[in-house]
Amino acid sequence: MQNSGHTLMSDISASDNSLEDRRNHARTSTDRRAAPRPRLGNFQFSSGASLISPQVVTGSARLIEFLLIAGLGYGIFLSYIHADSAPVDRLGQILYGVAILIAAAGSVLSFQALRLYDISIFSSLFRQIGRVCAGWTLIFALLMATAFFTKLGQEYSRVWVAAWYASGLSALVIFRMALWVAVRNWSRLGRLNRRAVIVGGGPAAHKLIKALEASRDTDIRIYGVFDDRDGKRVSDRIAGYPRLGNVDELIEFGRDKRLDLLILTLPITAEKRLLELYQKLWVLPVDIRLSAHTNKLRFRPRAYSYIGNVPFIDMQDKAITDWDYVLKWVFDKVVASTLLLLLSPLMALIALAVKLDSPGPVFFKQKRHGFNNELIEVYKFRSMYSDRSDANAAKLVTKSDDRVTRVGRFIRKTSLDELPQLFNVIKGELSLVGPRPHALQAKAADRLYADVVDGYFARHRVKPGITGWAQINGWRGETDTHEKLEHRVEHDLYYIENWSIFLDLYILLMTPFALMKAENAY
């Protein structure tokens, strides 16, 4: 449901809740409330440790083992055979290359058939080592049998075959031992399990929890239950898990504990209540699932997602996860480092101009909301007089603002004052492309941004960026009307729901052209 947030929010806007109530629920505080850390078995929840995607772990294991096998085969070929006084001819090189690729690919496929890429087996050392040895030996036996029956055996060095088999076996065993240590450590810290809470108590929650506990290979750990009903109607413990508060308190709890998954136990027929809950919860960067375990209305199996063997209906997916997250991370680091290198002479000139134009520091630091509403400190070239700087942006800069220096007017108009934020990208606080991080007290027509747009903090479900979809579409600079901010947030949400690495690249390429025709930036 890639566009579920946009679709459902159009329904939510027509709900009966008052505008002021919705704003109060959407607004979050920067003061984090301390919450308990329940221990489930040997699992210790840690709010500071981020989730490691099992898909990335298993995919990386496949890639590393393929490269290990192919690299060893080719390395031994170069060092022992190709370096010989009688080098191998072109046909021989092709035969060796084909054998190396077949062995590497065949090994990964055999390991897949032996379920060696299931995340659960990584935590069992002896089971995976035994299967790795069996799979590697089987592939070599098949290759040798093929060479024998096709009468190509004489084309391959027996020393090369023996050395490759032995070194490959050793390398695979050592890698699996290292992987076992890493996975055990990640499991102990809870980094391979999605942190989850149940929304809605009562018998439905009890049945769901029991079904999840009975299911094999679930990848979640449950903190507890949130329910709006008081203790007289809902027990303080549901199926052994504590009732942690009401739904309004869940927003702060979810941010503080970096929840990954919210499970709603309401019946699918409770449409109005589901929309009310979704309206409150969609601002969190989490997966939201509706339990279908006890629903009498059944759809085709492919209409559901599953945790273990328990069915759920997807209401919202986390934005930019798994390999997409890795791809965006690599893109940010590589491009930001390259830009810093290429733009360093220009940045040095700007720093000199700022210093000569007015007394004070070259850089200006400002606290803003980042991913998950966490406070970050972004860097800019100083564009105002030091004694008139506005760290909280309580008053937006307007045309001919006398607080702005002569150099400041130019670098603000061209957005050159934002270049130091490349350092924020390197630090991992910002992305190159994403919703712009606004100052904490930024206002549109004398009202805080969160008071103007319902669900404003939903734009913080991804890491903020130096430039974004809103900026290249003309919605940068002054927000002196509510409509300007609403358009900006609308574009931010579109970006989140439709992200791709190609969209990021397009936005980066279009940013210089957008800066040339900017009219609202002062």
Protein backbone atom coordinates (compact mmCIF):
# COMPACT_ATOMS: atom_id res chain seq x y z
CA MET A 1 0.00 0.00 0.00
CA GLN A 2 2.48 2.60 -1.15
CA ASN A 3 -0.06 5.41 -1.34
CA SER A 4 -2.18 4.34 1.59
CA GLY A 5 -1.26 7.42 3.66
CA HIS A 6 -2.44 9.84 0.99
CA THR A 7 -5.67 7.93 0.28
CA LEU A 8 -6.69 7.40 3.86
CA MET A 9 -5.92 10.98 4.82
CA SER A 10 -8.47 12.18 2.29
CA ASP A 11 -11.05 10.11 4.17
CA ILE A 12 -9.78 11.30 7.52
CA SER A 13 -10.25 14.93 6.57
CA ALA A 14 -13.99 14.26 6.44
CA SER A 15 -14.20 12.68 9.89
CA ASP A 16 -16.28 14.19 12.70
CA ASN A 17 -13.35 15.08 14.97
CA SER A 18 -12.84 18.78 15.55
CA LEU A 19 -9.88 20.49 13.92
CA GLU A 20 -8.42 21.48 17.26
CA ASP A 21 -8.54 17.90 18.59
CA ARG A 22 -6.70 16.60 15.53
CA ARG A 23 -4.01 19.23 15.92
CA ASN A 24 -3.52 18.39 19.56
CA HIS A 25 -3.08 14.71 18.71
CA ALA A 26 -0.68 15.39 15.85
CA ARG A 27 1.49 17.78 17.86
CA THR A 28 4.43 16.24 19.70
CA SER A 29 6.69 17.57 22.40
CA THR A 30 10.47 17.58 22.37
CA ASP A 31 10.51 16.44 26.00
CA ARG A 32 10.66 12.66 25.99
CA ARG A 33 8.70 10.78 28.59
CA ALA A 34 10.55 7.99 30.36
CA ALA A 35 8.94 4.63 29.70
CA PRO A 36 9.63 1.17 31.10
CA ARG A 37 11.84 -1.32 29.31
CA PRO A 38 10.12 -4.66 29.61
CA ARG A 39 12.29 -7.74 29.40
CA LEU A 40 10.79 -10.67 27.48
CA GLY A 41 12.79 -13.81 28.08
CA ASN A 42 16.42 -12.97 27.35
CA PHE A 43 15.47 -10.05 25.14
CA GLN A 44 16.35 -6.57 26.39
CA PHE A 45 14.70 -3.70 24.57
CA SER A 46 17.06 -0.87 23.78
CA SER A 47 15.62 2.37 22.51
CA GLY A 48 18.98 3.53 21.17
CA ALA A 49 19.71 0.58 18.87
CA SER A 50 18.26 0.85 15.38
CA LEU A 51 16.69 -2.06 13.52
CA ILE A 52 18.89 -4.08 11.18
CA SER A 53 16.88 -5.33 8.24
CA PRO A 54 16.86 -9.15 8.01
CA GLN A 55 16.49 -8.78 4.23
CA VAL A 56 19.73 -6.80 4.09
CA VAL A 57 21.51 -9.33 6.32
CA THR A 58 20.49 -12.32 4.20
CA GLY A 59 21.12 -10.48 0.93
CA SER A 60 24.56 -9.40 2.11
CA ALA A 61 25.37 -12.98 3.13
CA ARG A 62 24.53 -14.20 -0.38
CA LEU A 63 26.68 -11.52 -1.99
CA ILE A 64 29.65 -12.04 0.34
CA GLU A 65 29.67 -15.81 -0.15
CA PHE A 66 29.42 -15.44 -3.91
CA LEU A 67 32.37 -13.02 -3.92
CA LEU A 68 34.37 -15.21 -1.53
CA ILE A 69 34.04 -18.26 -3.74
CA ALA A 70 34.62 -16.45 -7.02
CA GLY A 71 37.47 -14.36 -5.62
CA LEU A 72 39.34 -17.36 -4.22
CA GLY A 73 38.93 -19.34 -7.43
CA TYR A 74 40.19 -16.49 -9.58
CA GLY A 75 42.94 -15.53 -7.14
CA ILE A 76 44.38 -19.05 -7.08
CA PHE A 77 44.12 -19.18 -10.88
CA LEU A 78 46.11 -15.95 -11.23
CA SER A 79 48.75 -16.80 -8.63
CA TYR A 80 49.35 -20.46 -9.53
CA ILE A 81 48.26 -21.17 -13.10
CA HIS A 82 48.25 -17.90 -15.02
CA ALA A 83 51.63 -16.94 -13.51
CA ASP A 84 53.17 -20.24 -14.67
CA SER A 85 55.91 -20.26 -17.28
CA ALA A 86 53.40 -21.74 -19.74
CA PRO A 87 50.37 -19.44 -19.40
CA VAL A 88 46.89 -20.72 -20.22
CA ASP A 89 45.54 -19.90 -23.67
CA ARG A 90 42.36 -17.93 -24.32
CA LEU A 91 40.10 -21.01 -24.37
CA GLY A 92 41.59 -22.24 -21.12
CA GLN A 93 40.96 -18.89 -19.44
CA ILE A 94 37.33 -19.04 -20.55
CA LEU A 95 36.93 -22.59 -19.18
CA TYR A 96 38.36 -21.56 -15.81
CA GLY A 97 36.16 -18.45 -15.72
CA VAL A 98 33.03 -20.47 -16.53
CA ALA A 99 33.87 -23.01 -13.81
CA ILE A 100 34.40 -20.23 -11.26
CA LEU A 101 31.08 -18.52 -12.04
CA ILE A 102 29.14 -21.79 -12.07
CA ALA A 103 30.63 -22.85 -8.74
CA ALA A 104 29.94 -19.46 -7.09
CA ALA A 105 26.37 -19.20 -8.38
CA GLY A 106 25.66 -22.89 -7.80
CA SER A 107 26.90 -22.68 -4.23
CA VAL A 108 24.61 -19.76 -3.43
CA LEU A 109 21.67 -21.62 -4.98
CA SER A 110 22.49 -24.80 -3.07
CA PHE A 111 22.79 -22.84 0.18
CA GLN A 112 19.41 -21.29 -0.59
CA ALA A 113 17.91 -24.77 -1.11
CA LEU A 114 19.43 -25.86 2.21
CA ARG A 115 17.71 -22.85 3.88
CA LEU A 116 21.07 -21.38 4.82
CA TYR A 117 19.79 -17.86 4.17
CA ASP A 118 16.93 -18.01 6.65
CA ILE A 119 17.65 -15.45 9.35
CA SER A 120 16.80 -18.02 12.03
CA ILE A 121 19.63 -20.40 11.06
CA PHE A 122 22.29 -17.70 11.41
CA SER A 123 22.03 -18.02 15.18
CA SER A 124 22.78 -21.78 15.10
CA LEU A 125 26.51 -22.28 14.49
CA PHE A 126 26.79 -26.04 14.04
CA ARG A 127 23.66 -26.43 11.92
CA GLN A 128 24.76 -23.84 9.38
CA ILE A 129 28.40 -24.99 9.25
CA GLY A 130 27.32 -28.58 8.61
CA ARG A 131 25.02 -27.52 5.79
CA VAL A 132 27.62 -25.16 4.30
CA CYS A 133 30.16 -27.97 4.15
CA ALA A 134 27.59 -30.27 2.57
CA GLY A 135 26.47 -27.69 0.01
CA TRP A 136 30.01 -26.68 -0.99
CA THR A 137 31.11 -30.32 -1.30
CA LEU A 138 28.03 -31.19 -3.37
CA ILE A 139 28.72 -28.38 -5.85
CA PHE A 140 32.32 -29.48 -6.27
CA ALA A 141 31.28 -33.09 -6.77
CA LEU A 142 28.82 -32.05 -9.48
CA LEU A 143 31.44 -29.90 -11.21
CA MET A 144 33.98 -32.73 -11.18
CA ALA A 145 31.41 -35.19 -12.48
CA THR A 146 30.48 -32.77 -15.27
CA ALA A 147 34.14 -32.28 -16.20
CA PHE A 148 34.65 -36.06 -16.26
CA PHE A 149 31.67 -36.87 -18.48
CA THR A 150 32.37 -34.00 -20.88
CA LYS A 151 36.06 -35.00 -21.06
CA LEU A 152 37.18 -31.57 -19.88
CA GLY A 153 38.88 -32.80 -16.73
CA GLN A 154 42.35 -32.54 -18.28
CA GLU A 155 41.78 -28.82 -18.90
CA TYR A 156 41.81 -28.04 -15.18
CA SER A 157 44.73 -28.20 -12.77
CA ARG A 158 44.19 -30.70 -9.95
CA VAL A 159 46.23 -28.47 -7.63
CA TRP A 160 43.94 -25.55 -8.47
CA VAL A 161 40.83 -27.67 -7.81
CA ALA A 162 42.15 -28.96 -4.48
CA ALA A 163 43.39 -25.55 -3.31
CA TRP A 164 40.13 -23.86 -4.29
CA TYR A 165 38.02 -26.47 -2.53
CA ALA A 166 40.05 -26.33 0.69
CA SER A 167 40.40 -22.54 0.83
CA GLY A 168 36.76 -22.03 -0.13
CA LEU A 169 35.59 -24.39 2.60
CA SER A 170 37.77 -22.64 5.18
CA ALA A 171 36.64 -19.17 4.09
CA LEU A 172 32.95 -20.13 4.19
CA VAL A 173 33.28 -21.65 7.67
CA ILE A 174 35.14 -18.59 9.00
CA PHE A 175 32.53 -16.26 7.47
CA ARG A 176 29.67 -18.25 8.97
CA MET A 177 31.34 -18.15 12.40
CA ALA A 178 31.70 -14.38 12.15
CA LEU A 179 28.08 -14.11 10.99
CA TRP A 180 26.96 -16.25 13.93
CA VAL A 181 28.73 -13.95 16.39
CA ALA A 182 27.24 -10.83 14.76
CA VAL A 183 23.68 -12.21 14.64
CA ARG A 184 23.82 -13.36 18.26
CA ASN A 185 24.95 -9.90 19.30
CA TRP A 186 22.27 -8.19 17.20
CA SER A 187 19.63 -10.55 18.58
CA ARG A 188 20.72 -9.82 22.14
CA LEU A 189 20.31 -6.11 21.47
CA GLY A 190 16.98 -6.67 19.71
CA ARG A 191 18.22 -5.23 16.43
CA LEU A 192 16.82 -8.04 14.26
CA ASN A 193 13.33 -7.89 15.74
CA ARG A 194 10.74 -5.25 15.04
CA ARG A 195 9.63 -3.41 18.16
CA ALA A 196 5.86 -3.62 18.30
CA VAL A 197 2.88 -2.62 20.39
CA ILE A 198 -0.73 -3.74 20.29
CA VAL A 199 -3.34 -0.99 19.92
CA GLY A 200 -6.58 -2.12 21.51
CA GLY A 201 -6.94 -4.55 24.40
CA GLY A 202 -9.62 -7.02 25.36
CA PRO A 203 -10.27 -10.54 24.04
CA ALA A 204 -9.16 -9.70 20.48
CA ALA A 205 -5.71 -8.62 21.68
CA HIS A 206 -5.45 -11.69 23.91
CA LYS A 207 -6.22 -14.05 21.02
CA LEU A 208 -3.82 -12.25 18.70
CA ILE A 209 -0.92 -12.37 21.16
CA LYS A 210 -1.46 -16.08 21.77
CA ALA A 211 -1.53 -16.72 18.02
CA LEU A 212 1.72 -14.79 17.54
CA GLU A 213 3.41 -16.65 20.38
CA ALA A 214 2.34 -19.98 18.88
CA SER A 215 3.58 -19.00 15.42
CA ARG A 216 7.07 -19.92 14.24
CA ASP A 217 9.63 -17.46 12.88
CA THR A 218 7.93 -14.27 14.00
CA ASP A 219 10.23 -11.26 13.78
CA ILE A 220 8.59 -9.03 16.41
CA ARG A 221 8.97 -8.37 20.11
CA ILE A 222 6.00 -6.79 21.85
CA TYR A 223 6.35 -3.97 24.38
CA GLY A 224 2.77 -4.05 25.55
CA VAL A 225 -0.74 -2.78 24.83
CA PHE A 226 -2.24 0.69 24.44
CA ASP A 227 -5.96 1.22 24.89
CA ASP A 228 -8.15 4.28 25.48
CA ARG A 229 -10.42 2.45 27.89
CA ASP A 230 -9.74 2.72 31.63
CA GLY A 231 -8.59 -0.05 33.95
CA LYS A 232 -12.17 -1.02 34.82
CA ARG A 233 -12.86 -2.08 31.23
CA VAL A 234 -9.41 -3.33 30.21
CA SER A 235 -7.07 -5.31 32.43
CA ASP A 236 -3.66 -3.91 33.34
CA ARG A 237 -2.12 -7.02 31.77
CA ILE A 238 -3.27 -8.67 28.54
CA ALA A 239 -1.90 -12.15 27.86
CA GLY A 240 1.04 -11.34 30.14
CA TYR A 241 1.86 -7.98 28.53
CA PRO A 242 1.37 -4.66 30.36
CA ARG A 243 -1.12 -1.99 29.42
CA LEU A 244 1.18 1.00 28.87
CA GLY A 245 -1.28 3.84 28.39
CA ASN A 246 -3.82 5.32 26.03
CA VAL A 247 -3.47 5.99 22.31
CA ASP A 248 -2.56 9.67 22.77
CA GLU A 249 0.41 8.62 24.91
CA LEU A 250 1.50 6.16 22.24
CA ILE A 251 2.87 8.93 19.99
CA GLU A 252 5.56 9.95 22.50
CA PHE A 253 6.21 6.34 23.45
CA GLY A 254 6.62 5.35 19.81
CA ARG A 255 9.15 8.10 19.14
CA ASP A 256 11.09 7.49 22.34
CA LYS A 257 11.37 3.73 21.83
CA ARG A 258 11.70 3.88 18.03
CA LEU A 259 8.85 1.49 17.45
CA ASP A 260 8.80 -0.38 14.14
CA LEU A 261 5.28 -1.83 14.13
CA LEU A 262 1.81 -0.93 15.42
CA ILE A 263 -0.81 -3.68 15.38
CA LEU A 264 -4.46 -2.64 15.57
CA THR A 265 -6.86 -5.25 16.91
CA LEU A 266 -10.11 -3.52 15.96
CA PRO A 267 -12.56 -5.31 13.62
CA ILE A 268 -12.38 -4.25 9.99
CA THR A 269 -16.01 -3.09 10.20
CA ALA A 270 -15.12 -0.36 12.76
CA GLU A 271 -14.30 2.07 9.96
CA LYS A 272 -14.81 5.34 11.83
CA ARG A 273 -12.68 4.29 14.80
CA LEU A 274 -9.95 2.91 12.51
CA LEU A 275 -9.77 6.23 10.67
CA GLU A 276 -9.56 8.12 13.96
CA LEU A 277 -6.70 5.91 15.13
CA TYR A 278 -4.88 6.12 11.83
CA GLN A 279 -5.20 9.90 11.87
CA LYS A 280 -3.30 9.98 15.15
CA LEU A 281 -0.73 7.30 14.39
CA TRP A 282 0.27 7.84 10.76
CA VAL A 283 2.79 10.54 11.76
CA LEU A 284 5.03 7.82 13.22
CA PRO A 285 7.67 6.19 10.95
CA VAL A 286 6.29 2.69 11.51
CA ASP A 287 4.46 -0.13 9.80
CA ILE A 288 0.78 -0.13 10.74
CA ARG A 289 -1.06 -3.43 10.46
CA LEU A 290 -4.68 -4.34 11.11
CA SER A 291 -5.10 -7.77 12.64
CA ALA A 292 -7.17 -10.11 10.47
CA HIS A 293 -6.75 -13.10 12.79
CA THR A 294 -10.28 -13.05 14.22
CA ASN A 295 -12.13 -11.38 11.34
CA LYS A 296 -14.92 -13.48 9.88
CA LEU A 297 -14.63 -11.65 6.56
CA ARG A 298 -11.87 -13.38 4.59
CA PHE A 299 -10.05 -12.32 1.44
CA ARG A 300 -7.66 -14.21 -0.83
CA PRO A 301 -4.37 -15.14 0.90
CA ARG A 302 -2.34 -12.74 -1.24
CA ALA A 303 -4.42 -9.84 0.12
CA TYR A 304 -2.72 -10.28 3.50
CA SER A 305 0.76 -9.84 4.87
CA TYR A 306 1.91 -12.28 7.52
CA ILE A 307 3.88 -12.29 10.73
CA GLY A 308 4.72 -15.94 11.12
CA ASN A 309 1.46 -17.52 9.96
CA VAL A 310 -0.84 -14.83 11.41
CA PRO A 311 -2.60 -12.68 8.73
CA PHE A 312 -2.70 -8.88 8.73
CA ILE A 313 -4.02 -6.11 6.49
CA ASP A 314 -1.44 -3.44 5.65
CA MET A 315 -2.52 0.11 6.50
CA GLN A 316 0.87 1.79 6.23
CA ASP A 317 4.43 0.74 5.40
CA LYS A 318 7.56 2.40 6.70
CA ALA A 319 9.12 4.61 4.06
CA ILE A 320 12.51 3.76 2.55
CA THR A 321 13.43 0.48 4.23
CA ASP A 322 15.64 -2.56 3.61
CA TRP A 323 17.76 -2.27 0.44
CA ASP A 324 16.14 1.05 -0.47
CA TYR A 325 17.56 2.46 2.77
CA VAL A 326 21.02 1.08 1.97
CA LEU A 327 20.87 2.50 -1.56
CA LYS A 328 19.85 5.95 -0.34
CA TRP A 329 22.54 5.86 2.40
CA VAL A 330 25.27 5.01 -0.13
CA PHE A 331 23.93 7.63 -2.57
CA ASP A 332 23.99 10.32 0.12
CA LYS A 333 27.48 9.52 1.35
CA VAL A 334 29.09 9.21 -2.09
CA VAL A 335 27.44 12.27 -3.65
CA ALA A 336 27.85 14.46 -0.54
CA SER A 337 31.55 13.60 -0.26
CA THR A 338 32.05 14.34 -3.97
CA LEU A 339 30.21 17.65 -3.72
CA LEU A 340 32.23 18.69 -0.66
CA LEU A 341 35.42 18.01 -2.57
CA LEU A 342 34.30 19.87 -5.70
CA LEU A 343 32.71 22.80 -3.87
CA SER A 344 35.39 23.31 -1.22
CA PRO A 345 37.00 26.28 -3.10
CA LEU A 346 33.59 27.98 -3.41
CA MET A 347 32.80 27.31 0.26
CA ALA A 348 36.15 28.82 1.26
CA LEU A 349 35.35 31.98 -0.73
CA ILE A 350 31.89 32.26 0.86
CA ALA A 351 33.40 31.82 4.33
CA LEU A 352 35.89 34.60 3.61
CA ALA A 353 33.15 36.89 2.31
CA VAL A 354 30.97 36.28 5.38
CA LYS A 355 33.90 37.03 7.69
CA LEU A 356 34.87 40.24 5.90
CA ASP A 357 31.30 41.51 5.56
CA SER A 358 30.39 41.59 9.26
CA PRO A 359 31.92 40.57 12.59
CA GLY A 360 31.04 37.19 14.01
CA PRO A 361 31.42 33.48 13.28
CA VAL A 362 31.35 32.11 9.73
CA PHE A 363 28.86 29.35 10.52
CA PHE A 364 25.42 29.50 12.09
CA LYS A 365 23.97 26.47 13.91
CA GLN A 366 20.26 25.97 14.39
CA LYS A 367 18.23 23.22 16.10
CA ARG A 368 15.60 21.59 13.94
CA HIS A 369 13.45 18.48 13.85
CA GLY A 370 14.99 15.53 12.02
CA PHE A 371 13.85 11.99 11.39
CA ASN A 372 11.27 10.81 13.94
CA ASN A 373 11.11 14.35 15.37
CA GLU A 374 14.57 13.96 16.89
CA LEU A 375 16.41 17.23 17.46
CA ILE A 376 19.39 17.85 15.18
CA GLU A 377 21.66 20.85 14.74
CA VAL A 378 22.08 21.96 11.13
CA TYR A 379 24.92 24.09 9.79
CA LYS A 380 24.61 27.17 7.59
CA PHE A 381 26.80 30.05 6.54
CA ARG A 382 25.85 33.00 8.73
CA SER A 383 23.64 35.38 6.78
CA MET A 384 22.50 37.73 9.58
CA TYR A 385 24.29 40.13 11.86
CA SER A 386 25.53 38.20 14.89
CA ASP A 387 23.71 40.35 17.43
CA ARG A 388 20.40 39.98 15.54
CA SER A 389 20.42 36.28 14.76
CA ASP A 390 17.22 34.34 15.39
CA ALA A 391 18.20 30.81 16.47
CA ASN A 392 14.59 29.61 16.73
CA ALA A 393 13.31 31.43 13.61
CA ALA A 394 10.52 32.98 15.64
CA LYS A 395 10.31 35.66 12.94
CA LEU A 396 10.68 34.57 9.31
CA VAL A 397 13.03 36.53 7.10
CA THR A 398 11.16 38.84 4.75
CA LYS A 399 12.11 40.94 1.74
CA SER A 400 14.50 43.80 2.66
CA ASP A 401 14.87 42.40 6.18
CA ASP A 402 17.43 44.64 7.93
CA ARG A 403 18.74 41.71 9.99
CA VAL A 404 20.34 40.18 6.87
CA THR A 405 23.86 41.20 5.82
CA ARG A 406 24.85 42.20 2.28
CA VAL A 407 26.56 38.86 1.67
CA GLY A 408 23.70 37.16 3.46
CA ARG A 409 21.14 38.43 0.94
CA PHE A 410 23.05 36.86 -1.92
CA ILE A 411 23.77 33.50 -0.31
CA ARG A 412 20.21 33.18 0.98
CA LYS A 413 18.71 34.01 -2.41
CA THR A 414 20.93 31.41 -4.10
CA SER A 415 20.75 28.92 -1.18
CA LEU A 416 24.55 28.91 -0.98
CA ASP A 417 24.14 29.39 2.78
CA GLU A 418 22.90 25.78 2.89
CA LEU A 419 26.14 24.23 1.56
CA PRO A 420 27.58 23.45 5.05
CA GLN A 421 24.66 21.06 5.49
CA LEU A 422 26.68 18.63 3.38
CA PHE A 423 28.52 17.99 6.66
CA ASN A 424 25.14 17.07 8.22
CA VAL A 425 24.68 14.56 5.40
CA ILE A 426 28.09 13.02 6.07
CA LYS A 427 27.19 12.77 9.78
CA GLY A 428 23.94 11.00 8.88
CA GLU A 429 21.60 13.69 10.26
CA LEU A 430 20.34 14.85 6.87
CA SER A 431 19.86 13.35 3.44
CA LEU A 432 20.67 15.12 0.20
CA VAL A 433 17.00 14.96 -0.77
CA GLY A 434 14.01 14.97 1.54
CA PRO A 435 11.54 17.31 3.26
CA ARG A 436 13.35 20.44 4.41
CA PRO A 437 13.97 20.57 8.18
CA HIS A 438 12.15 23.58 9.56
CA ALA A 439 13.19 25.64 12.55
CA LEU A 440 11.42 24.78 15.79
CA GLN A 441 9.44 28.01 16.05
CA ALA A 442 8.86 28.55 12.33
CA LYS A 443 5.47 30.08 11.62
CA ALA A 444 3.08 30.60 8.73
CA ALA A 445 1.05 33.75 9.17
CA ASP A 446 1.90 33.91 12.92
CA ARG A 447 0.92 30.28 13.60
CA LEU A 448 3.31 27.40 14.24
CA TYR A 449 3.58 25.01 11.33
CA ALA A 450 2.12 22.13 13.35
CA ASP A 451 -0.95 24.27 14.10
CA VAL A 452 -1.55 25.00 10.43
CA VAL A 453 -1.38 21.54 8.84
CA ASP A 454 -2.99 18.43 10.32
CA GLY A 455 -0.47 15.60 10.54
CA TYR A 456 2.39 18.02 9.87
CA PHE A 457 4.90 15.74 11.60
CA ALA A 458 4.19 12.94 9.11
CA ARG A 459 6.84 14.60 6.94
CA HIS A 460 9.39 13.48 9.54
CA ARG A 461 8.85 9.81 8.70
CA VAL A 462 12.00 10.08 6.58
CA LYS A 463 15.28 11.88 7.07
CA PRO A 464 15.05 15.57 6.08
CA GLY A 465 17.05 16.82 3.13
CA ILE A 466 19.04 19.77 1.81
CA THR A 467 16.69 20.01 -1.15
CA GLY A 468 13.38 18.36 -1.93
CA TRP A 469 10.38 17.89 -4.17
CA ALA A 470 8.66 20.95 -2.72
CA GLN A 471 11.72 23.14 -3.35
CA ILE A 472 12.07 22.32 -7.06
CA ASN A 473 8.34 22.88 -7.54
CA GLY A 474 8.50 26.46 -6.31
CA TRP A 475 7.57 25.99 -2.63
CA ARG A 476 10.71 27.25 -0.95
CA GLY A 477 11.40 30.43 0.97
CA GLU A 478 8.90 32.54 2.86
CA THR A 479 5.69 30.92 4.15
CA ASP A 480 3.63 34.01 4.88
CA THR A 481 0.31 32.25 4.19
CA HIS A 482 -1.20 28.97 5.28
CA GLU A 483 -1.63 27.92 1.67
CA LYS A 484 2.11 28.07 0.97
CA LEU A 485 2.87 25.77 3.89
CA GLU A 486 0.05 23.39 2.94
CA HIS A 487 1.43 23.09 -0.60
CA ARG A 488 4.92 22.47 0.76
CA VAL A 489 3.74 19.70 3.09
CA GLU A 490 1.62 18.18 0.32
CA HIS A 491 4.71 17.92 -1.89
CA ASP A 492 6.76 16.48 0.99
CA LEU A 493 4.21 13.72 1.53
CA TYR A 494 4.13 12.98 -2.19
CA TYR A 495 7.90 12.54 -2.12
CA ILE A 496 7.73 10.14 0.84
CA GLU A 497 5.05 7.99 -0.77
CA ASN A 498 6.71 7.89 -4.20
CA TRP A 499 10.41 7.79 -3.35
CA SER A 500 12.92 6.20 -5.67
CA ILE A 501 16.63 6.74 -6.21
CA PHE A 502 15.78 8.11 -9.65
CA LEU A 503 13.46 10.69 -8.07
CA ASP A 504 16.31 11.75 -5.78
CA LEU A 505 18.64 12.08 -8.76
CA TYR A 506 16.04 14.09 -10.71
CA ILE A 507 15.50 16.46 -7.77
CA LEU A 508 19.24 17.02 -7.38
CA LEU A 509 19.65 17.76 -11.08
CA MET A 510 16.68 20.15 -11.12
CA THR A 511 17.67 22.04 -7.95
CA PRO A 512 20.10 24.51 -9.64
CA PHE A 513 17.42 25.44 -12.20
CA ALA A 514 14.83 25.90 -9.42
CA LEU A 515 17.20 28.24 -7.57
CA MET A 516 17.54 30.46 -10.63
CA LYS A 517 13.83 31.26 -10.72
CA ALA A 518 13.15 31.36 -6.97
CA GLU A 519 10.98 34.34 -6.01
CA ASN A 520 10.09 33.72 -2.36
CA ALA A 521 13.58 33.18 -0.93
CA TYR A 522 14.99 36.14 1.00
